[in-house]
N, C-alpha and C. Protein backbone atom coordinates (compact mmCIF):
# COMPACT_ATOMS: atom_id res chain seq x y z
N UNK A 1 0.84 -1.15 0.00
CA UNK A 1 0.00 0.00 0.00
C UNK A 1 0.90 1.23 0.00
N UNK A 2 0.56 2.18 -0.87
CA UNK A 2 1.37 3.39 -0.95
C UNK A 2 0.53 4.58 -0.53
N UNK A 3 1.12 5.45 0.20
CA UNK A 3 0.44 6.67 0.63
C UNK A 3 0.72 7.75 -0.41
N UNK A 4 -0.34 8.52 -0.69
CA UNK A 4 -0.16 9.63 -1.62
C UNK A 4 0.60 10.73 -0.91
N UNK A 5 1.61 11.18 -1.53
CA UNK A 5 2.43 12.22 -0.94
C UNK A 5 2.06 13.53 -1.62
N UNK A 6 1.69 14.51 -0.78
CA UNK A 6 1.37 15.83 -1.33
C UNK A 6 2.61 16.70 -1.19
N UNK A 7 2.92 17.41 -2.20
CA UNK A 7 4.11 18.27 -2.12
C UNK A 7 3.85 19.44 -1.17
N UNK A 8 4.87 19.91 -0.53
CA UNK A 8 4.76 21.07 0.34
C UNK A 8 4.40 22.28 -0.51
N UNK A 9 3.45 23.11 0.01
CA UNK A 9 3.08 24.30 -0.78
C UNK A 9 4.22 25.31 -0.79
N UNK A 10 4.31 26.01 -1.90
CA UNK A 10 5.36 27.01 -2.00
C UNK A 10 4.92 28.27 -1.23
N UNK A 11 5.79 29.23 -1.00
CA UNK A 11 5.46 30.41 -0.20
C UNK A 11 4.27 31.22 -0.76
N UNK A 12 4.11 31.28 -2.06
CA UNK A 12 2.98 32.01 -2.64
C UNK A 12 1.67 31.34 -2.29
N UNK A 13 1.61 30.02 -2.37
CA UNK A 13 0.39 29.29 -2.03
C UNK A 13 0.09 29.42 -0.54
N UNK A 14 1.11 29.41 0.28
CA UNK A 14 0.93 29.56 1.72
C UNK A 14 0.36 30.94 2.04
N UNK A 15 0.86 31.97 1.40
CA UNK A 15 0.37 33.33 1.62
C UNK A 15 -1.07 33.47 1.15
N UNK A 16 -1.39 32.87 -0.01
CA UNK A 16 -2.75 32.91 -0.53
C UNK A 16 -3.72 32.19 0.41
N UNK A 17 -3.33 31.03 0.90
CA UNK A 17 -4.16 30.26 1.83
C UNK A 17 -4.37 31.04 3.13
N UNK A 18 -3.31 31.66 3.63
CA UNK A 18 -3.41 32.44 4.87
C UNK A 18 -4.34 33.64 4.67
N UNK A 19 -4.29 34.28 3.52
CA UNK A 19 -5.16 35.43 3.25
C UNK A 19 -6.62 35.00 3.20
N UNK A 20 -6.89 33.84 2.58
CA UNK A 20 -8.27 33.34 2.51
C UNK A 20 -8.80 32.98 3.89
N UNK A 21 -7.98 32.32 4.69
CA UNK A 21 -8.40 31.95 6.04
C UNK A 21 -8.64 33.20 6.88
N UNK A 22 -7.77 34.19 6.74
CA UNK A 22 -7.93 35.44 7.48
C UNK A 22 -9.23 36.13 7.09
N UNK A 23 -9.55 36.17 5.79
CA UNK A 23 -10.78 36.79 5.30
C UNK A 23 -12.00 36.06 5.85
N UNK A 24 -11.97 34.73 5.85
CA UNK A 24 -13.10 33.95 6.38
C UNK A 24 -13.27 34.17 7.88
N UNK A 25 -12.17 34.29 8.61
CA UNK A 25 -12.25 34.53 10.05
C UNK A 25 -12.80 35.92 10.34
N UNK A 26 -12.44 36.92 9.52
CA UNK A 26 -12.97 38.26 9.71
C UNK A 26 -14.48 38.26 9.46
N UNK A 27 -14.91 37.59 8.41
CA UNK A 27 -16.34 37.51 8.11
C UNK A 27 -17.08 36.80 9.24
N UNK A 28 -16.54 35.69 9.73
CA UNK A 28 -17.19 34.96 10.82
C UNK A 28 -17.23 35.80 12.10
N UNK A 29 -16.17 36.52 12.39
CA UNK A 29 -16.13 37.36 13.59
C UNK A 29 -17.13 38.51 13.51
N UNK A 30 -17.22 39.16 12.33
CA UNK A 30 -18.18 40.25 12.17
C UNK A 30 -19.62 39.74 12.27
N UNK A 31 -19.89 38.60 11.68
CA UNK A 31 -21.24 38.02 11.76
C UNK A 31 -21.61 37.72 13.20
N UNK A 32 -20.70 37.13 13.94
CA UNK A 32 -20.95 36.83 15.35
C UNK A 32 -21.16 38.11 16.14
N UNK A 33 -20.33 39.12 15.91
CA UNK A 33 -20.45 40.40 16.61
C UNK A 33 -21.78 41.08 16.33
N UNK A 34 -22.21 41.06 15.07
CA UNK A 34 -23.49 41.67 14.71
C UNK A 34 -24.64 40.91 15.38
N UNK A 35 -24.55 39.59 15.41
CA UNK A 35 -25.60 38.79 16.07
C UNK A 35 -25.69 39.08 17.56
N UNK A 36 -24.55 39.15 18.23
CA UNK A 36 -24.56 39.44 19.67
C UNK A 36 -25.07 40.84 19.93
N UNK A 37 -24.67 41.81 19.10
CA UNK A 37 -25.15 43.18 19.25
C UNK A 37 -26.67 43.25 19.06
N UNK A 38 -27.19 42.49 18.10
CA UNK A 38 -28.64 42.49 17.87
C UNK A 38 -29.38 41.95 19.09
N UNK A 39 -28.84 40.92 19.73
CA UNK A 39 -29.48 40.37 20.92
C UNK A 39 -29.47 41.40 22.04
N UNK A 40 -28.35 42.08 22.27
CA UNK A 40 -28.28 43.09 23.32
C UNK A 40 -29.20 44.27 23.03
N UNK A 41 -29.30 44.66 21.77
CA UNK A 41 -30.21 45.75 21.40
C UNK A 41 -31.65 45.35 21.67
N UNK A 42 -32.02 44.12 21.33
CA UNK A 42 -33.39 43.65 21.57
C UNK A 42 -33.69 43.62 23.07
N UNK A 43 -32.75 43.16 23.87
CA UNK A 43 -32.96 43.11 25.32
C UNK A 43 -33.09 44.53 25.87
N UNK A 44 -32.22 45.44 25.46
CA UNK A 44 -32.30 46.82 25.92
C UNK A 44 -33.59 47.49 25.51
N UNK A 45 -34.04 47.22 24.29
CA UNK A 45 -35.29 47.80 23.81
C UNK A 45 -36.45 47.32 24.67
N UNK A 46 -36.47 46.03 24.97
CA UNK A 46 -37.54 45.49 25.81
C UNK A 46 -37.51 46.08 27.21
N UNK A 47 -36.32 46.26 27.77
CA UNK A 47 -36.22 46.80 29.13
C UNK A 47 -36.66 48.25 29.21
N UNK A 48 -36.21 49.07 28.26
CA UNK A 48 -36.52 50.49 28.32
C UNK A 48 -37.90 50.82 27.78
N UNK A 49 -38.45 49.97 26.92
CA UNK A 49 -39.77 50.20 26.38
C UNK A 49 -40.85 49.85 27.38
N UNK A 50 -40.62 48.82 28.18
CA UNK A 50 -41.63 48.42 29.15
C UNK A 50 -41.74 49.48 30.22
N UNK A 51 -42.90 49.62 30.76
CA UNK A 51 -43.14 50.63 31.77
C UNK A 51 -42.80 50.12 33.15
N UNK A 52 -42.28 48.93 33.23
CA UNK A 52 -41.97 48.36 34.53
C UNK A 52 -43.23 47.88 35.22
N UNK A 53 -43.07 47.41 36.39
CA UNK A 53 -44.24 46.95 37.13
C UNK A 53 -44.85 48.13 37.85
N UNK A 54 -46.11 48.34 37.60
CA UNK A 54 -46.82 49.42 38.25
C UNK A 54 -47.29 48.96 39.62
N UNK A 55 -47.35 49.86 40.58
CA UNK A 55 -47.84 49.47 41.89
C UNK A 55 -49.31 49.05 41.80
N UNK A 56 -49.70 48.17 42.67
CA UNK A 56 -51.08 47.70 42.68
C UNK A 56 -52.00 48.87 42.99
N UNK A 57 -53.04 49.01 42.21
CA UNK A 57 -53.96 50.12 42.40
C UNK A 57 -55.18 49.62 43.17
N UNK A 58 -55.54 50.35 44.21
CA UNK A 58 -56.78 50.08 44.92
C UNK A 58 -57.82 51.01 44.35
N UNK A 59 -58.77 50.43 43.64
CA UNK A 59 -59.76 51.23 42.94
C UNK A 59 -61.13 50.66 43.22
N UNK A 60 -62.08 51.53 43.46
CA UNK A 60 -63.46 51.11 43.65
C UNK A 60 -64.27 51.70 42.51
N UNK A 61 -64.79 50.83 41.68
CA UNK A 61 -65.62 51.27 40.57
C UNK A 61 -67.08 51.24 41.02
N UNK A 62 -67.79 52.30 40.77
CA UNK A 62 -69.19 52.35 41.15
C UNK A 62 -70.05 51.90 39.98
N UNK A 63 -71.04 51.11 40.29
CA UNK A 63 -71.96 50.61 39.28
C UNK A 63 -73.31 51.29 39.49
N UNK A 64 -74.10 51.37 38.44
CA UNK A 64 -75.45 51.92 38.61
C UNK A 64 -76.26 51.06 39.59
N UNK A 65 -77.24 51.68 40.23
CA UNK A 65 -78.07 50.97 41.19
C UNK A 65 -78.79 49.80 40.52
N UNK A 66 -78.69 48.64 41.12
CA UNK A 66 -79.36 47.44 40.60
C UNK A 66 -78.56 46.72 39.51
N UNK A 67 -77.37 47.17 39.22
CA UNK A 67 -76.56 46.53 38.18
C UNK A 67 -75.91 45.27 38.72
N UNK A 68 -75.80 44.26 37.86
CA UNK A 68 -75.13 43.01 38.22
C UNK A 68 -74.03 42.74 37.21
N UNK A 69 -72.90 42.27 37.70
CA UNK A 69 -71.82 41.89 36.80
C UNK A 69 -72.14 40.51 36.24
N UNK A 70 -72.24 40.42 34.92
CA UNK A 70 -72.58 39.17 34.26
C UNK A 70 -71.32 38.39 33.89
N UNK A 71 -70.31 39.09 33.36
CA UNK A 71 -69.09 38.42 32.93
C UNK A 71 -67.94 39.41 32.94
N UNK A 72 -66.74 38.87 33.04
CA UNK A 72 -65.52 39.67 32.93
C UNK A 72 -64.57 38.95 31.99
N UNK A 73 -63.65 39.70 31.42
CA UNK A 73 -62.67 39.09 30.53
C UNK A 73 -61.55 40.08 30.24
N UNK A 74 -60.53 39.56 29.59
CA UNK A 74 -59.39 40.38 29.20
C UNK A 74 -59.15 40.19 27.71
N UNK A 75 -58.97 41.29 27.01
CA UNK A 75 -58.65 41.27 25.58
C UNK A 75 -57.57 42.32 25.34
N UNK A 76 -56.43 41.86 24.83
CA UNK A 76 -55.27 42.74 24.61
C UNK A 76 -54.91 43.43 25.92
N UNK A 77 -54.94 44.75 25.96
CA UNK A 77 -54.61 45.49 27.18
C UNK A 77 -55.86 46.06 27.83
N UNK A 78 -56.98 45.40 27.67
CA UNK A 78 -58.25 45.89 28.19
C UNK A 78 -58.89 44.87 29.13
N UNK A 79 -59.51 45.38 30.17
CA UNK A 79 -60.33 44.58 31.08
C UNK A 79 -61.76 44.86 30.68
N UNK A 80 -62.53 43.80 30.43
CA UNK A 80 -63.89 43.96 29.92
C UNK A 80 -64.86 43.44 30.97
N UNK A 81 -65.85 44.26 31.31
CA UNK A 81 -66.86 43.90 32.30
C UNK A 81 -68.22 44.02 31.64
N UNK A 82 -68.99 42.94 31.67
CA UNK A 82 -70.34 42.95 31.12
C UNK A 82 -71.31 43.08 32.28
N UNK A 83 -72.21 44.08 32.17
CA UNK A 83 -73.16 44.37 33.23
C UNK A 83 -74.58 44.15 32.74
N UNK A 84 -75.46 43.83 33.68
CA UNK A 84 -76.90 43.79 33.42
C UNK A 84 -77.50 44.90 34.28
N UNK A 85 -77.93 45.98 33.63
CA UNK A 85 -78.47 47.13 34.34
C UNK A 85 -79.96 47.21 34.06
N UNK A 86 -80.76 46.62 34.95
CA UNK A 86 -82.23 46.67 34.80
C UNK A 86 -82.69 46.06 33.49
N UNK A 87 -82.11 44.97 33.06
CA UNK A 87 -82.52 44.30 31.83
C UNK A 87 -81.80 44.79 30.58
N UNK A 88 -80.98 45.81 30.71
CA UNK A 88 -80.20 46.33 29.58
C UNK A 88 -78.75 45.88 29.76
N UNK A 89 -78.19 45.30 28.70
CA UNK A 89 -76.81 44.83 28.75
C UNK A 89 -75.86 45.97 28.41
N UNK A 90 -74.82 46.09 29.23
CA UNK A 90 -73.84 47.15 29.03
C UNK A 90 -72.44 46.54 29.18
N UNK A 91 -71.53 46.94 28.30
CA UNK A 91 -70.14 46.47 28.37
C UNK A 91 -69.27 47.68 28.66
N UNK A 92 -68.46 47.56 29.70
CA UNK A 92 -67.52 48.62 30.06
C UNK A 92 -66.11 48.07 29.92
N UNK A 93 -65.23 48.88 29.35
CA UNK A 93 -63.84 48.47 29.19
C UNK A 93 -62.95 49.39 29.99
N UNK A 94 -61.88 48.81 30.53
CA UNK A 94 -60.91 49.54 31.33
C UNK A 94 -59.52 49.19 30.83
N UNK A 95 -58.60 50.14 30.95
CA UNK A 95 -57.20 49.87 30.64
C UNK A 95 -56.67 48.93 31.72
N UNK A 96 -56.09 47.80 31.33
CA UNK A 96 -55.67 46.79 32.29
C UNK A 96 -54.51 47.25 33.16
N UNK A 97 -53.70 48.18 32.69
CA UNK A 97 -52.55 48.63 33.47
C UNK A 97 -52.91 49.72 34.47
N UNK A 98 -53.72 50.67 34.04
CA UNK A 98 -54.04 51.80 34.91
C UNK A 98 -55.42 51.70 35.52
N UNK A 99 -56.26 50.82 35.02
CA UNK A 99 -57.64 50.62 35.46
C UNK A 99 -58.52 51.85 35.22
N UNK A 100 -58.12 52.70 34.29
CA UNK A 100 -58.94 53.85 33.92
C UNK A 100 -59.98 53.40 32.91
N UNK A 101 -61.19 53.98 32.97
CA UNK A 101 -62.23 53.60 32.00
C UNK A 101 -61.78 53.92 30.57
N UNK A 102 -62.03 52.98 29.67
CA UNK A 102 -61.63 53.16 28.28
C UNK A 102 -62.84 53.29 27.35
N UNK A 103 -63.98 52.81 27.78
CA UNK A 103 -65.15 52.92 26.92
C UNK A 103 -66.36 52.26 27.53
N UNK A 104 -67.52 52.54 26.92
CA UNK A 104 -68.77 51.98 27.39
C UNK A 104 -69.64 51.68 26.18
N UNK A 105 -70.27 50.53 26.17
CA UNK A 105 -71.14 50.13 25.08
C UNK A 105 -72.45 49.62 25.68
N UNK A 106 -73.57 50.25 25.26
CA UNK A 106 -74.88 49.86 25.78
C UNK A 106 -75.66 49.16 24.67
N UNK A 107 -76.42 48.16 25.06
CA UNK A 107 -77.29 47.46 24.14
C UNK A 107 -78.73 47.68 24.59
N UNK A 108 -79.59 48.01 23.65
CA UNK A 108 -80.99 48.22 23.97
C UNK A 108 -81.84 47.50 22.93
N UNK A 109 -83.04 47.09 23.35
CA UNK A 109 -83.95 46.41 22.43
C UNK A 109 -84.71 47.46 21.63
N UNK A 110 -84.98 47.13 20.36
CA UNK A 110 -85.76 48.05 19.54
C UNK A 110 -87.21 47.97 19.97
N UNK A 111 -87.91 49.09 19.94
CA UNK A 111 -89.33 49.08 20.34
C UNK A 111 -90.21 48.42 19.32
C-alpha cells in the first residue's frame, strides 16, 4: 500500500491560503459580533420600552343601582366587564394597566 504524498506548498500558495483563512475569520467574527449586538439591542429595547411593574392600584368602581356583573374578561390590554343594568346589557372596558375607563357600550332592544 502506498500513501499519496502531497508536495509542500510554496510560499505564494501559503500566503494565498493564509489570506483566505484570514478573510473567512474576519467575516465569521463580524457576523458573530453583529448577532450578539442584535441580541443586546433587543434586550435593551424590551427593558426600556416596558413601563416596569406598576404598583397595585386600589380602585373602587361604582356601578349603577341594581346593576349586576354578568361576565368579565381580558382582551389585549383591556379589562372587559359585562353588566346587566335593569334588563339592559352594558359592556364597560378599562385599561388593564391603569384601570382607567376606556369605553362603554350599551345594548338596547328596539321598540
